[in-house]
Amino acid sequence: MAIMTKIRTVCVYCGSGPGTNPRFVEAAIGLGKALAENGIRLVYGGGSIGLMGAVATSVLDHGGTVTGIIPDFLTTRENALKRVQEMIVTPDMHERKRLMFERSDAFVALPGGIGTLEELVEQLTWQQLGRHAKPILLANIDGFWEPLLALLAHMRATQFIRASLAVEILKAERVEDILPRLRSAAARAEQGAEDMATEIVRRL
């Protein structure tokens, strides 16, 4: 199981459109600035439009580094951002998602559509099955993710999400809270791994 002890790279899932609320773009720009100022590399879907373009351009404008990962068939549709320091073009979506996972220490979901939701839920599923312990956070800008949080609560109430298959998802309403919460979660995961190792040694 992958456990990250320090946040060096953050994968941001978000929409290829701007959405209807100006705060969505403001949040993307603010997150990009925060990543750059903290020396954290952005890993994202490689496009130059919508929230994807906003977060990546903001990282670059503030002196940060960006890795874009985009499937070949989307390079034109999503107008791959040429300014990034590293652009990886994959043959398909599966390879894109695998590389985004491997190159990231944590995941943030800004507002977005079906693609954003699918990528987010895949990471939650892998976490639930014990394949990784990387922090996953919803940037709940103006309550965008409240319907999803209500659905997760409903799944718990109906026991489709059970204690043995818990889902740990972080939430932040403000951009300035995102990195502190990711770092705190990463520290807890590290401490939990150390405690588990100590217990195994004690039993031996």
N, C-alpha and C. Protein backbone atom coordinates (compact mmCIF):
# COMPACT_ATOMS: atom_id res chain seq x y z
N MET A 1 0.84 -1.20 0.00
CA MET A 1 0.00 0.00 0.00
C MET A 1 0.87 1.24 0.00
N ALA A 2 0.57 2.20 -0.90
CA ALA A 2 1.37 3.41 -1.02
C ALA A 2 1.03 4.39 0.09
N ILE A 3 2.07 4.81 0.85
CA ILE A 3 1.90 5.82 1.89
C ILE A 3 2.91 6.94 1.65
N MET A 4 2.43 8.18 1.57
CA MET A 4 3.30 9.30 1.30
C MET A 4 3.62 10.03 2.60
N THR A 5 4.90 10.26 2.87
CA THR A 5 5.30 10.94 4.09
C THR A 5 5.43 12.44 3.90
N LYS A 6 5.52 12.90 2.67
CA LYS A 6 5.62 14.33 2.41
C LYS A 6 4.92 14.63 1.09
N ILE A 7 4.22 15.76 1.06
CA ILE A 7 3.50 16.14 -0.15
C ILE A 7 4.45 16.92 -1.06
N ARG A 8 4.89 16.28 -2.13
CA ARG A 8 5.75 16.93 -3.12
C ARG A 8 5.02 17.19 -4.43
N THR A 9 4.02 16.37 -4.72
CA THR A 9 3.23 16.53 -5.94
C THR A 9 1.76 16.35 -5.60
N VAL A 10 0.92 17.16 -6.21
CA VAL A 10 -0.52 17.05 -6.01
C VAL A 10 -1.20 16.92 -7.36
N CYS A 11 -2.03 15.90 -7.48
CA CYS A 11 -2.84 15.73 -8.68
C CYS A 11 -4.15 16.48 -8.48
N VAL A 12 -4.49 17.32 -9.43
CA VAL A 12 -5.75 18.07 -9.37
C VAL A 12 -6.67 17.59 -10.47
N TYR A 13 -7.82 17.08 -10.07
CA TYR A 13 -8.88 16.72 -11.01
C TYR A 13 -9.84 17.91 -11.09
N CYS A 14 -10.24 18.30 -12.29
CA CYS A 14 -11.17 19.43 -12.41
C CYS A 14 -11.72 19.49 -13.81
N GLY A 15 -12.67 20.37 -14.01
CA GLY A 15 -13.38 20.46 -15.28
C GLY A 15 -12.57 21.10 -16.39
N SER A 16 -12.88 20.68 -17.60
CA SER A 16 -12.28 21.31 -18.79
C SER A 16 -13.10 22.52 -19.23
N GLY A 17 -14.13 22.86 -18.45
CA GLY A 17 -14.89 24.09 -18.63
C GLY A 17 -14.78 24.94 -17.38
N PRO A 18 -15.19 26.21 -17.44
CA PRO A 18 -15.07 27.10 -16.28
C PRO A 18 -16.21 26.99 -15.28
N GLY A 19 -17.32 26.37 -15.68
CA GLY A 19 -18.50 26.34 -14.82
C GLY A 19 -19.23 27.67 -14.83
N THR A 20 -20.31 27.73 -14.09
CA THR A 20 -21.15 28.94 -14.10
C THR A 20 -20.83 29.91 -12.99
N ASN A 21 -20.03 29.47 -12.01
CA ASN A 21 -19.73 30.29 -10.84
C ASN A 21 -18.31 30.83 -10.94
N PRO A 22 -18.14 32.14 -10.95
CA PRO A 22 -16.79 32.71 -11.05
C PRO A 22 -15.84 32.23 -9.94
N ARG A 23 -16.39 31.81 -8.82
CA ARG A 23 -15.54 31.35 -7.72
C ARG A 23 -14.80 30.06 -8.06
N PHE A 24 -15.31 29.31 -9.02
CA PHE A 24 -14.63 28.07 -9.40
C PHE A 24 -13.28 28.40 -10.04
N VAL A 25 -13.27 29.35 -10.97
CA VAL A 25 -12.02 29.75 -11.61
C VAL A 25 -11.10 30.42 -10.59
N GLU A 26 -11.67 31.27 -9.73
CA GLU A 26 -10.86 31.91 -8.68
C GLU A 26 -10.19 30.87 -7.80
N ALA A 27 -10.90 29.81 -7.47
CA ALA A 27 -10.33 28.75 -6.62
C ALA A 27 -9.21 28.03 -7.35
N ALA A 28 -9.40 27.76 -8.64
CA ALA A 28 -8.36 27.09 -9.42
C ALA A 28 -7.09 27.94 -9.46
N ILE A 29 -7.26 29.24 -9.68
CA ILE A 29 -6.11 30.15 -9.72
C ILE A 29 -5.44 30.20 -8.35
N GLY A 30 -6.25 30.28 -7.30
CA GLY A 30 -5.71 30.34 -5.95
C GLY A 30 -4.95 29.07 -5.57
N LEU A 31 -5.48 27.93 -5.97
CA LEU A 31 -4.80 26.67 -5.68
C LEU A 31 -3.48 26.58 -6.44
N GLY A 32 -3.48 27.00 -7.69
CA GLY A 32 -2.24 27.00 -8.47
C GLY A 32 -1.17 27.87 -7.83
N LYS A 33 -1.56 29.03 -7.35
CA LYS A 33 -0.63 29.94 -6.67
C LYS A 33 -0.08 29.29 -5.41
N ALA A 34 -0.95 28.65 -4.63
CA ALA A 34 -0.52 28.01 -3.39
C ALA A 34 0.46 26.87 -3.66
N LEU A 35 0.19 26.08 -4.69
CA LEU A 35 1.10 24.99 -5.04
C LEU A 35 2.47 25.54 -5.40
N ALA A 36 2.49 26.56 -6.25
CA ALA A 36 3.77 27.13 -6.69
C ALA A 36 4.55 27.71 -5.51
N GLU A 37 3.87 28.44 -4.66
CA GLU A 37 4.55 29.10 -3.54
C GLU A 37 5.07 28.11 -2.51
N ASN A 38 4.50 26.92 -2.49
CA ASN A 38 4.94 25.88 -1.56
C ASN A 38 5.87 24.86 -2.21
N GLY A 39 6.27 25.12 -3.44
CA GLY A 39 7.20 24.23 -4.12
C GLY A 39 6.63 22.85 -4.41
N ILE A 40 5.32 22.77 -4.62
CA ILE A 40 4.66 21.50 -4.90
C ILE A 40 4.31 21.42 -6.38
N ARG A 41 4.75 20.36 -7.02
CA ARG A 41 4.48 20.17 -8.45
C ARG A 41 3.02 19.81 -8.68
N LEU A 42 2.43 20.41 -9.67
CA LEU A 42 1.07 20.07 -10.10
C LEU A 42 1.12 18.93 -11.12
N VAL A 43 0.30 17.92 -10.90
CA VAL A 43 0.04 16.89 -11.90
C VAL A 43 -1.42 17.04 -12.29
N TYR A 44 -1.69 17.15 -13.58
CA TYR A 44 -3.08 17.38 -14.00
C TYR A 44 -3.29 16.83 -15.40
N GLY A 45 -4.49 17.06 -15.93
CA GLY A 45 -4.88 16.43 -17.18
C GLY A 45 -4.33 17.02 -18.46
N GLY A 46 -3.53 18.07 -18.39
CA GLY A 46 -2.79 18.54 -19.55
C GLY A 46 -3.45 19.59 -20.42
N GLY A 47 -4.72 19.91 -20.17
CA GLY A 47 -5.42 20.87 -21.02
C GLY A 47 -5.14 22.31 -20.66
N SER A 48 -5.51 23.22 -21.59
CA SER A 48 -5.29 24.66 -21.37
C SER A 48 -6.60 25.42 -21.21
N ILE A 49 -7.71 24.69 -21.15
CA ILE A 49 -9.02 25.35 -21.10
C ILE A 49 -9.72 25.02 -19.78
N GLY A 50 -10.71 25.85 -19.43
CA GLY A 50 -11.50 25.61 -18.24
C GLY A 50 -10.69 25.70 -16.96
N LEU A 51 -11.14 24.97 -15.93
CA LEU A 51 -10.43 24.98 -14.65
C LEU A 51 -9.07 24.32 -14.78
N MET A 52 -8.95 23.34 -15.68
CA MET A 52 -7.64 22.71 -15.91
C MET A 52 -6.62 23.75 -16.33
N GLY A 53 -6.98 24.54 -17.32
CA GLY A 53 -6.07 25.57 -17.78
C GLY A 53 -5.79 26.62 -16.73
N ALA A 54 -6.82 26.96 -15.93
CA ALA A 54 -6.66 28.00 -14.90
C ALA A 54 -5.66 27.58 -13.83
N VAL A 55 -5.78 26.36 -13.34
CA VAL A 55 -4.89 25.92 -12.27
C VAL A 55 -3.46 25.77 -12.77
N ALA A 56 -3.30 25.20 -13.96
CA ALA A 56 -1.95 24.99 -14.50
C ALA A 56 -1.27 26.32 -14.84
N THR A 57 -2.00 27.23 -15.48
CA THR A 57 -1.44 28.52 -15.84
C THR A 57 -1.04 29.30 -14.59
N SER A 58 -1.85 29.20 -13.54
CA SER A 58 -1.54 29.89 -12.30
C SER A 58 -0.26 29.35 -11.67
N VAL A 59 -0.09 28.03 -11.66
CA VAL A 59 1.16 27.45 -11.14
C VAL A 59 2.35 28.02 -11.90
N LEU A 60 2.27 28.01 -13.22
CA LEU A 60 3.37 28.49 -14.06
C LEU A 60 3.62 29.99 -13.85
N ASP A 61 2.54 30.76 -13.79
CA ASP A 61 2.68 32.21 -13.62
C ASP A 61 3.33 32.59 -12.30
N HIS A 62 3.24 31.68 -11.32
CA HIS A 62 3.82 31.95 -10.00
C HIS A 62 5.12 31.18 -9.78
N GLY A 63 5.72 30.72 -10.88
CA GLY A 63 7.05 30.12 -10.81
C GLY A 63 7.09 28.66 -10.43
N GLY A 64 5.95 27.98 -10.51
CA GLY A 64 5.90 26.57 -10.14
C GLY A 64 6.12 25.63 -11.31
N THR A 65 6.04 24.34 -11.03
CA THR A 65 6.28 23.31 -12.04
C THR A 65 5.03 22.47 -12.25
N VAL A 66 4.87 22.04 -13.49
CA VAL A 66 3.64 21.35 -13.89
C VAL A 66 3.97 20.14 -14.76
N THR A 67 3.31 19.03 -14.47
CA THR A 67 3.31 17.86 -15.34
C THR A 67 1.90 17.67 -15.86
N GLY A 68 1.75 17.73 -17.17
CA GLY A 68 0.47 17.45 -17.80
C GLY A 68 0.48 16.04 -18.36
N ILE A 69 -0.62 15.33 -18.18
CA ILE A 69 -0.73 13.96 -18.71
C ILE A 69 -2.05 13.88 -19.48
N ILE A 70 -1.94 13.68 -20.78
CA ILE A 70 -3.12 13.78 -21.63
C ILE A 70 -3.11 12.67 -22.67
N PRO A 71 -4.25 12.02 -22.92
CA PRO A 71 -4.28 11.01 -23.98
C PRO A 71 -4.22 11.67 -25.35
N ASP A 72 -3.66 10.97 -26.28
CA ASP A 72 -3.42 11.52 -27.62
C ASP A 72 -4.69 12.09 -28.24
N PHE A 73 -5.82 11.41 -28.06
CA PHE A 73 -7.04 11.85 -28.74
C PHE A 73 -7.63 13.13 -28.16
N LEU A 74 -7.12 13.58 -26.99
CA LEU A 74 -7.61 14.81 -26.38
C LEU A 74 -6.68 16.00 -26.55
N THR A 75 -5.52 15.79 -27.18
CA THR A 75 -4.54 16.89 -27.27
C THR A 75 -5.10 18.09 -28.02
N THR A 76 -5.94 17.83 -29.02
CA THR A 76 -6.54 18.93 -29.78
C THR A 76 -7.81 19.43 -29.11
N ARG A 77 -8.66 18.51 -28.68
CA ARG A 77 -9.95 18.89 -28.09
C ARG A 77 -9.76 19.72 -26.83
N GLU A 78 -8.82 19.34 -25.98
CA GLU A 78 -8.59 20.07 -24.73
C GLU A 78 -7.40 21.02 -24.83
N ASN A 79 -6.87 21.18 -26.06
CA ASN A 79 -5.84 22.18 -26.34
C ASN A 79 -4.70 22.08 -25.34
N ALA A 80 -3.90 21.03 -25.49
CA ALA A 80 -2.81 20.75 -24.54
C ALA A 80 -1.96 22.00 -24.28
N LEU A 81 -1.67 22.25 -23.01
CA LEU A 81 -0.94 23.46 -22.61
C LEU A 81 0.56 23.29 -22.89
N LYS A 82 1.07 24.09 -23.81
CA LYS A 82 2.45 23.91 -24.27
C LYS A 82 3.48 24.48 -23.30
N ARG A 83 3.07 25.32 -22.35
CA ARG A 83 4.02 25.98 -21.45
C ARG A 83 4.55 25.06 -20.35
N VAL A 84 3.90 23.95 -20.13
CA VAL A 84 4.27 23.12 -18.98
C VAL A 84 5.69 22.56 -19.15
N GLN A 85 6.35 22.30 -18.01
CA GLN A 85 7.71 21.77 -18.06
C GLN A 85 7.74 20.33 -18.57
N GLU A 86 6.66 19.59 -18.32
CA GLU A 86 6.62 18.19 -18.74
C GLU A 86 5.21 17.87 -19.24
N MET A 87 5.13 17.38 -20.47
CA MET A 87 3.85 16.95 -21.03
C MET A 87 3.99 15.50 -21.49
N ILE A 88 3.18 14.64 -20.92
CA ILE A 88 3.19 13.22 -21.27
C ILE A 88 1.93 12.92 -22.06
N VAL A 89 2.09 12.41 -23.26
CA VAL A 89 0.96 12.03 -24.10
C VAL A 89 0.83 10.51 -24.06
N THR A 90 -0.32 10.04 -23.62
CA THR A 90 -0.55 8.61 -23.45
C THR A 90 -1.41 8.06 -24.58
N PRO A 91 -1.36 6.75 -24.79
CA PRO A 91 -2.19 6.16 -25.86
C PRO A 91 -3.66 6.07 -25.50
N ASP A 92 -3.99 6.12 -24.20
CA ASP A 92 -5.39 5.97 -23.81
C ASP A 92 -5.62 6.55 -22.41
N MET A 93 -6.89 6.55 -21.99
CA MET A 93 -7.26 7.09 -20.68
C MET A 93 -6.71 6.26 -19.53
N HIS A 94 -6.66 4.94 -19.71
CA HIS A 94 -6.18 4.07 -18.64
C HIS A 94 -4.74 4.39 -18.26
N GLU A 95 -3.90 4.58 -19.27
CA GLU A 95 -2.50 4.92 -19.02
C GLU A 95 -2.39 6.30 -18.38
N ARG A 96 -3.22 7.21 -18.83
CA ARG A 96 -3.23 8.56 -18.24
C ARG A 96 -3.51 8.50 -16.75
N LYS A 97 -4.56 7.77 -16.37
CA LYS A 97 -4.94 7.70 -14.96
C LYS A 97 -3.89 6.97 -14.13
N ARG A 98 -3.27 5.94 -14.70
CA ARG A 98 -2.24 5.21 -13.97
C ARG A 98 -1.05 6.12 -13.68
N LEU A 99 -0.61 6.88 -14.68
CA LEU A 99 0.52 7.76 -14.49
C LEU A 99 0.20 8.90 -13.53
N MET A 100 -1.02 9.43 -13.60
CA MET A 100 -1.42 10.49 -12.67
C MET A 100 -1.37 9.97 -11.24
N PHE A 101 -1.79 8.74 -11.04
CA PHE A 101 -1.73 8.15 -9.71
C PHE A 101 -0.29 7.96 -9.26
N GLU A 102 0.52 7.37 -10.11
CA GLU A 102 1.90 7.04 -9.73
C GLU A 102 2.73 8.28 -9.44
N ARG A 103 2.45 9.39 -10.12
CA ARG A 103 3.27 10.59 -9.98
C ARG A 103 2.76 11.56 -8.91
N SER A 104 1.73 11.17 -8.18
CA SER A 104 1.10 12.10 -7.23
C SER A 104 1.16 11.57 -5.81
N ASP A 105 1.33 12.52 -4.86
CA ASP A 105 1.34 12.19 -3.44
C ASP A 105 -0.03 12.43 -2.80
N ALA A 106 -0.88 13.19 -3.46
CA ALA A 106 -2.20 13.51 -2.93
C ALA A 106 -3.09 13.94 -4.09
N PHE A 107 -4.41 13.97 -3.84
CA PHE A 107 -5.38 14.28 -4.88
C PHE A 107 -6.37 15.33 -4.39
N VAL A 108 -6.64 16.30 -5.27
CA VAL A 108 -7.62 17.34 -4.98
C VAL A 108 -8.62 17.37 -6.13
N ALA A 109 -9.91 17.39 -5.79
CA ALA A 109 -10.94 17.52 -6.80
C ALA A 109 -11.59 18.90 -6.69
N LEU A 110 -11.30 19.74 -7.67
CA LEU A 110 -12.03 20.99 -7.85
C LEU A 110 -13.36 20.67 -8.54
N PRO A 111 -14.26 21.62 -8.66
CA PRO A 111 -15.49 21.35 -9.40
C PRO A 111 -15.20 20.83 -10.81
N GLY A 112 -16.06 19.96 -11.27
CA GLY A 112 -15.89 19.39 -12.60
C GLY A 112 -17.09 18.52 -12.96
N GLY A 113 -16.96 17.82 -14.06
CA GLY A 113 -18.06 17.00 -14.56
C GLY A 113 -17.84 15.51 -14.36
N ILE A 114 -18.36 14.73 -15.30
CA ILE A 114 -18.32 13.27 -15.20
C ILE A 114 -16.88 12.76 -15.14
N GLY A 115 -15.99 13.32 -15.95
CA GLY A 115 -14.60 12.87 -15.95
C GLY A 115 -13.93 13.10 -14.61
N THR A 116 -14.17 14.29 -14.04
CA THR A 116 -13.62 14.60 -12.72
C THR A 116 -14.16 13.62 -11.68
N LEU A 117 -15.46 13.38 -11.72
CA LEU A 117 -16.10 12.48 -10.77
C LEU A 117 -15.55 11.06 -10.91
N GLU A 118 -15.38 10.61 -12.14
CA GLU A 118 -14.89 9.25 -12.37
C GLU A 118 -13.48 9.07 -11.83
N GLU A 119 -12.62 10.06 -12.07
CA GLU A 119 -11.24 9.97 -11.58
C GLU A 119 -11.20 10.00 -10.05
N LEU A 120 -12.03 10.86 -9.46
CA LEU A 120 -12.10 10.95 -8.01
C LEU A 120 -12.58 9.64 -7.39
N VAL A 121 -13.66 9.10 -7.92
CA VAL A 121 -14.24 7.88 -7.35
C VAL A 121 -13.28 6.70 -7.50
N GLU A 122 -12.52 6.66 -8.58
CA GLU A 122 -11.55 5.58 -8.74
C GLU A 122 -10.52 5.63 -7.61
N GLN A 123 -10.03 6.82 -7.27
CA GLN A 123 -9.06 6.94 -6.18
C GLN A 123 -9.69 6.56 -4.84
N LEU A 124 -10.94 6.93 -4.63
CA LEU A 124 -11.64 6.55 -3.40
C LEU A 124 -11.78 5.03 -3.31
N THR A 125 -12.08 4.40 -4.45
CA THR A 125 -12.23 2.95 -4.48
C THR A 125 -10.91 2.26 -4.16
N TRP A 126 -9.82 2.72 -4.77
CA TRP A 126 -8.52 2.12 -4.50
C TRP A 126 -8.13 2.31 -3.04
N GLN A 127 -8.44 3.48 -2.48
CA GLN A 127 -8.18 3.72 -1.06
C GLN A 127 -9.00 2.76 -0.21
N GLN A 128 -10.27 2.62 -0.54
CA GLN A 128 -11.18 1.76 0.22
C GLN A 128 -10.70 0.31 0.23
N LEU A 129 -10.10 -0.12 -0.87
CA LEU A 129 -9.62 -1.50 -0.99
C LEU A 129 -8.19 -1.66 -0.48
N GLY A 130 -7.63 -0.60 0.10
CA GLY A 130 -6.32 -0.69 0.71
C GLY A 130 -5.15 -0.64 -0.24
N ARG A 131 -5.38 -0.10 -1.45
CA ARG A 131 -4.29 -0.04 -2.43
C ARG A 131 -3.42 1.18 -2.25
N HIS A 132 -3.91 2.19 -1.56
CA HIS A 132 -3.08 3.36 -1.25
C HIS A 132 -3.65 4.09 -0.05
N ALA A 133 -2.84 4.97 0.54
CA ALA A 133 -3.27 5.81 1.66
C ALA A 133 -2.97 7.28 1.36
N LYS A 134 -2.94 7.63 0.10
CA LYS A 134 -2.69 9.02 -0.29
C LYS A 134 -3.93 9.86 0.02
N PRO A 135 -3.74 11.07 0.56
CA PRO A 135 -4.89 11.91 0.89
C PRO A 135 -5.71 12.29 -0.34
N ILE A 136 -7.02 12.33 -0.15
CA ILE A 136 -7.96 12.73 -1.22
C ILE A 136 -8.85 13.83 -0.65
N LEU A 137 -8.91 14.96 -1.33
CA LEU A 137 -9.64 16.11 -0.80
C LEU A 137 -10.60 16.70 -1.83
N LEU A 138 -11.80 17.02 -1.36
CA LEU A 138 -12.77 17.74 -2.17
C LEU A 138 -12.65 19.23 -1.89
N ALA A 139 -12.36 20.00 -2.92
CA ALA A 139 -12.40 21.46 -2.80
C ALA A 139 -13.85 21.87 -2.99
N ASN A 140 -14.54 22.00 -1.88
CA ASN A 140 -16.00 22.16 -1.88
C ASN A 140 -16.38 23.63 -2.05
N ILE A 141 -16.00 24.17 -3.19
CA ILE A 141 -16.19 25.59 -3.46
C ILE A 141 -17.67 25.92 -3.61
N ASP A 142 -18.16 26.83 -2.77
CA ASP A 142 -19.58 27.20 -2.76
C ASP A 142 -20.49 25.97 -2.69
N GLY A 143 -20.04 24.94 -1.96
CA GLY A 143 -20.86 23.76 -1.74
C GLY A 143 -21.02 22.86 -2.95
N PHE A 144 -20.11 22.97 -3.93
CA PHE A 144 -20.27 22.20 -5.16
C PHE A 144 -20.40 20.70 -4.91
N TRP A 145 -19.62 20.18 -3.97
CA TRP A 145 -19.59 18.72 -3.76
C TRP A 145 -20.60 18.24 -2.72
N GLU A 146 -21.47 19.09 -2.22
CA GLU A 146 -22.44 18.67 -1.21
C GLU A 146 -23.35 17.52 -1.68
N PRO A 147 -23.81 17.50 -2.95
CA PRO A 147 -24.62 16.35 -3.38
C PRO A 147 -23.86 15.03 -3.32
N LEU A 148 -22.57 15.05 -3.65
CA LEU A 148 -21.78 13.82 -3.55
C LEU A 148 -21.60 13.41 -2.10
N LEU A 149 -21.33 14.37 -1.22
CA LEU A 149 -21.17 14.07 0.20
C LEU A 149 -22.46 13.50 0.78
N ALA A 150 -23.61 14.01 0.32
CA ALA A 150 -24.90 13.48 0.76
C ALA A 150 -25.08 12.04 0.27
N LEU A 151 -24.64 11.76 -0.96
CA LEU A 151 -24.73 10.40 -1.49
C LEU A 151 -23.86 9.44 -0.69
N LEU A 152 -22.64 9.87 -0.35
CA LEU A 152 -21.76 9.02 0.46
C LEU A 152 -22.38 8.75 1.83
N ALA A 153 -23.00 9.77 2.41
CA ALA A 153 -23.68 9.58 3.70
C ALA A 153 -24.83 8.58 3.56
N HIS A 154 -25.55 8.66 2.46
CA HIS A 154 -26.65 7.72 2.19
C HIS A 154 -26.10 6.29 2.04
N MET A 155 -24.96 6.15 1.37
CA MET A 155 -24.35 4.82 1.21
C MET A 155 -23.93 4.24 2.56
N ARG A 156 -23.44 5.12 3.46
CA ARG A 156 -23.09 4.65 4.80
C ARG A 156 -24.35 4.24 5.57
N ALA A 157 -25.39 5.06 5.46
CA ALA A 157 -26.63 4.78 6.20
C ALA A 157 -27.27 3.47 5.74
N THR A 158 -27.12 3.15 4.48
CA THR A 158 -27.68 1.90 3.94
C THR A 158 -26.68 0.76 3.94
N GLN A 159 -25.53 1.00 4.57
CA GLN A 159 -24.48 0.00 4.81
C GLN A 159 -23.87 -0.59 3.53
N PHE A 160 -23.80 0.24 2.50
CA PHE A 160 -23.00 -0.15 1.33
C PHE A 160 -21.57 0.35 1.47
N ILE A 161 -21.38 1.37 2.30
CA ILE A 161 -20.05 1.74 2.79
C ILE A 161 -20.04 1.35 4.26
N ARG A 162 -19.27 0.32 4.59
CA ARG A 162 -19.26 -0.22 5.95
C ARG A 162 -17.94 0.11 6.63
N ALA A 163 -17.91 -0.10 7.94
CA ALA A 163 -16.72 0.23 8.72
C ALA A 163 -15.49 -0.51 8.20
N SER A 164 -15.69 -1.73 7.71
CA SER A 164 -14.57 -2.52 7.19
C SER A 164 -14.11 -2.04 5.83
N LEU A 165 -14.93 -1.20 5.19
CA LEU A 165 -14.59 -0.64 3.88
C LEU A 165 -14.79 0.87 3.93
N ALA A 166 -14.13 1.49 4.89
CA ALA A 166 -14.33 2.92 5.11
C ALA A 166 -13.76 3.75 3.96
N VAL A 167 -14.35 4.91 3.76
CA VAL A 167 -13.87 5.88 2.78
C VAL A 167 -13.48 7.14 3.54
N GLU A 168 -12.21 7.52 3.45
CA GLU A 168 -11.75 8.74 4.12
C GLU A 168 -11.54 9.82 3.08
N ILE A 169 -12.40 10.80 3.11
CA ILE A 169 -12.30 11.90 2.14
C ILE A 169 -12.26 13.21 2.90
N LEU A 170 -11.28 14.04 2.56
CA LEU A 170 -11.12 15.34 3.19
C LEU A 170 -11.98 16.37 2.46
N LYS A 171 -12.24 17.48 3.13
CA LYS A 171 -13.05 18.53 2.53
C LYS A 171 -12.50 19.88 2.95
N ALA A 172 -12.49 20.82 2.01
CA ALA A 172 -12.09 22.19 2.32
C ALA A 172 -12.97 23.15 1.53
N GLU A 173 -13.55 24.10 2.23
CA GLU A 173 -14.36 25.13 1.56
C GLU A 173 -13.50 26.28 1.05
N ARG A 174 -12.31 26.44 1.66
CA ARG A 174 -11.42 27.55 1.29
C ARG A 174 -10.12 26.99 0.73
N VAL A 175 -9.62 27.65 -0.30
CA VAL A 175 -8.38 27.21 -0.94
C VAL A 175 -7.23 27.17 0.05
N GLU A 176 -7.18 28.15 0.96
CA GLU A 176 -6.05 28.22 1.90
C GLU A 176 -6.02 27.06 2.88
N ASP A 177 -7.12 26.31 2.98
CA ASP A 177 -7.15 25.15 3.88
C ASP A 177 -6.71 23.85 3.21
N ILE A 178 -6.56 23.86 1.89
CA ILE A 178 -6.32 22.61 1.16
C ILE A 178 -4.98 21.98 1.53
N LEU A 179 -3.88 22.71 1.37
CA LEU A 179 -2.57 22.12 1.63
C LEU A 179 -2.38 21.74 3.10
N PRO A 180 -2.78 22.57 4.07
CA PRO A 180 -2.65 22.13 5.46
C PRO A 180 -3.38 20.82 5.75
N ARG A 181 -4.56 20.65 5.17
CA ARG A 181 -5.32 19.41 5.42
C ARG A 181 -4.69 18.21 4.73
N LEU A 182 -4.14 18.40 3.55
CA LEU A 182 -3.43 17.31 2.88
C LEU A 182 -2.20 16.90 3.70
N ARG A 183 -1.45 17.88 4.18
CA ARG A 183 -0.24 17.58 4.95
C ARG A 183 -0.58 16.88 6.27
N SER A 184 -1.63 17.33 6.92
CA SER A 184 -2.04 16.71 8.17
C SER A 184 -2.45 15.26 7.94
N ALA A 185 -3.19 15.01 6.86
CA ALA A 185 -3.61 13.64 6.55
C ALA A 185 -2.42 12.75 6.21
N ALA A 186 -1.46 13.30 5.49
CA ALA A 186 -0.26 12.53 5.14
C ALA A 186 0.52 12.18 6.39
N ALA A 187 0.60 13.12 7.34
CA ALA A 187 1.30 12.85 8.60
C ALA A 187 0.60 11.77 9.40
N ARG A 188 -0.74 11.81 9.41
CA ARG A 188 -1.49 10.77 10.13
C ARG A 188 -1.27 9.40 9.51
N ALA A 189 -1.24 9.35 8.17
CA ALA A 189 -1.01 8.08 7.48
C ALA A 189 0.37 7.53 7.81
N GLU A 190 1.36 8.43 7.87
CA GLU A 190 2.72 8.01 8.21
C GLU A 190 2.77 7.48 9.64
N GLN A 191 2.12 8.18 10.57
CA GLN A 191 2.12 7.73 11.96
C GLN A 191 1.42 6.39 12.09
N GLY A 192 0.32 6.24 11.35
CA GLY A 192 -0.40 4.97 11.39
C GLY A 192 0.44 3.82 10.88
N ALA A 193 1.22 4.06 9.83
CA ALA A 193 2.10 3.03 9.30
C ALA A 193 3.19 2.67 10.30
N GLU A 194 3.73 3.69 10.98
CA GLU A 194 4.77 3.45 11.99
C GLU A 194 4.21 2.65 13.17
N ASP A 195 2.99 3.01 13.60
CA ASP A 195 2.37 2.29 14.70
C ASP A 195 2.12 0.83 14.33
N MET A 196 1.68 0.60 13.07
CA MET A 196 1.43 -0.75 12.62
C MET A 196 2.72 -1.56 12.59
N ALA A 197 3.80 -0.94 12.10
CA ALA A 197 5.09 -1.63 12.04
C ALA A 197 5.59 -1.97 13.45
N THR A 198 5.40 -1.04 14.38
CA THR A 198 5.81 -1.28 15.77
C THR A 198 5.03 -2.45 16.37
N GLU A 199 3.75 -2.49 16.10
CA GLU A 199 2.91 -3.58 16.62
C GLU A 199 3.32 -4.92 16.03
N ILE A 200 3.66 -4.95 14.75
CA ILE A 200 4.11 -6.21 14.12
C ILE A 200 5.39 -6.69 14.76
N VAL A 201 6.34 -5.75 14.97
CA VAL A 201 7.61 -6.12 15.60
C VAL A 201 7.36 -6.63 17.01
N ARG A 202 6.46 -5.98 17.75
CA ARG A 202 6.17 -6.39 19.12
C ARG A 202 5.62 -7.82 19.15
N ARG A 203 4.76 -8.14 18.19
CA ARG A 203 4.18 -9.48 18.15
C ARG A 203 5.22 -10.54 17.77
N LEU A 204 6.21 -10.14 16.96
CA LEU A 204 7.26 -11.08 16.59
C LEU A 204 8.15 -11.37 17.79
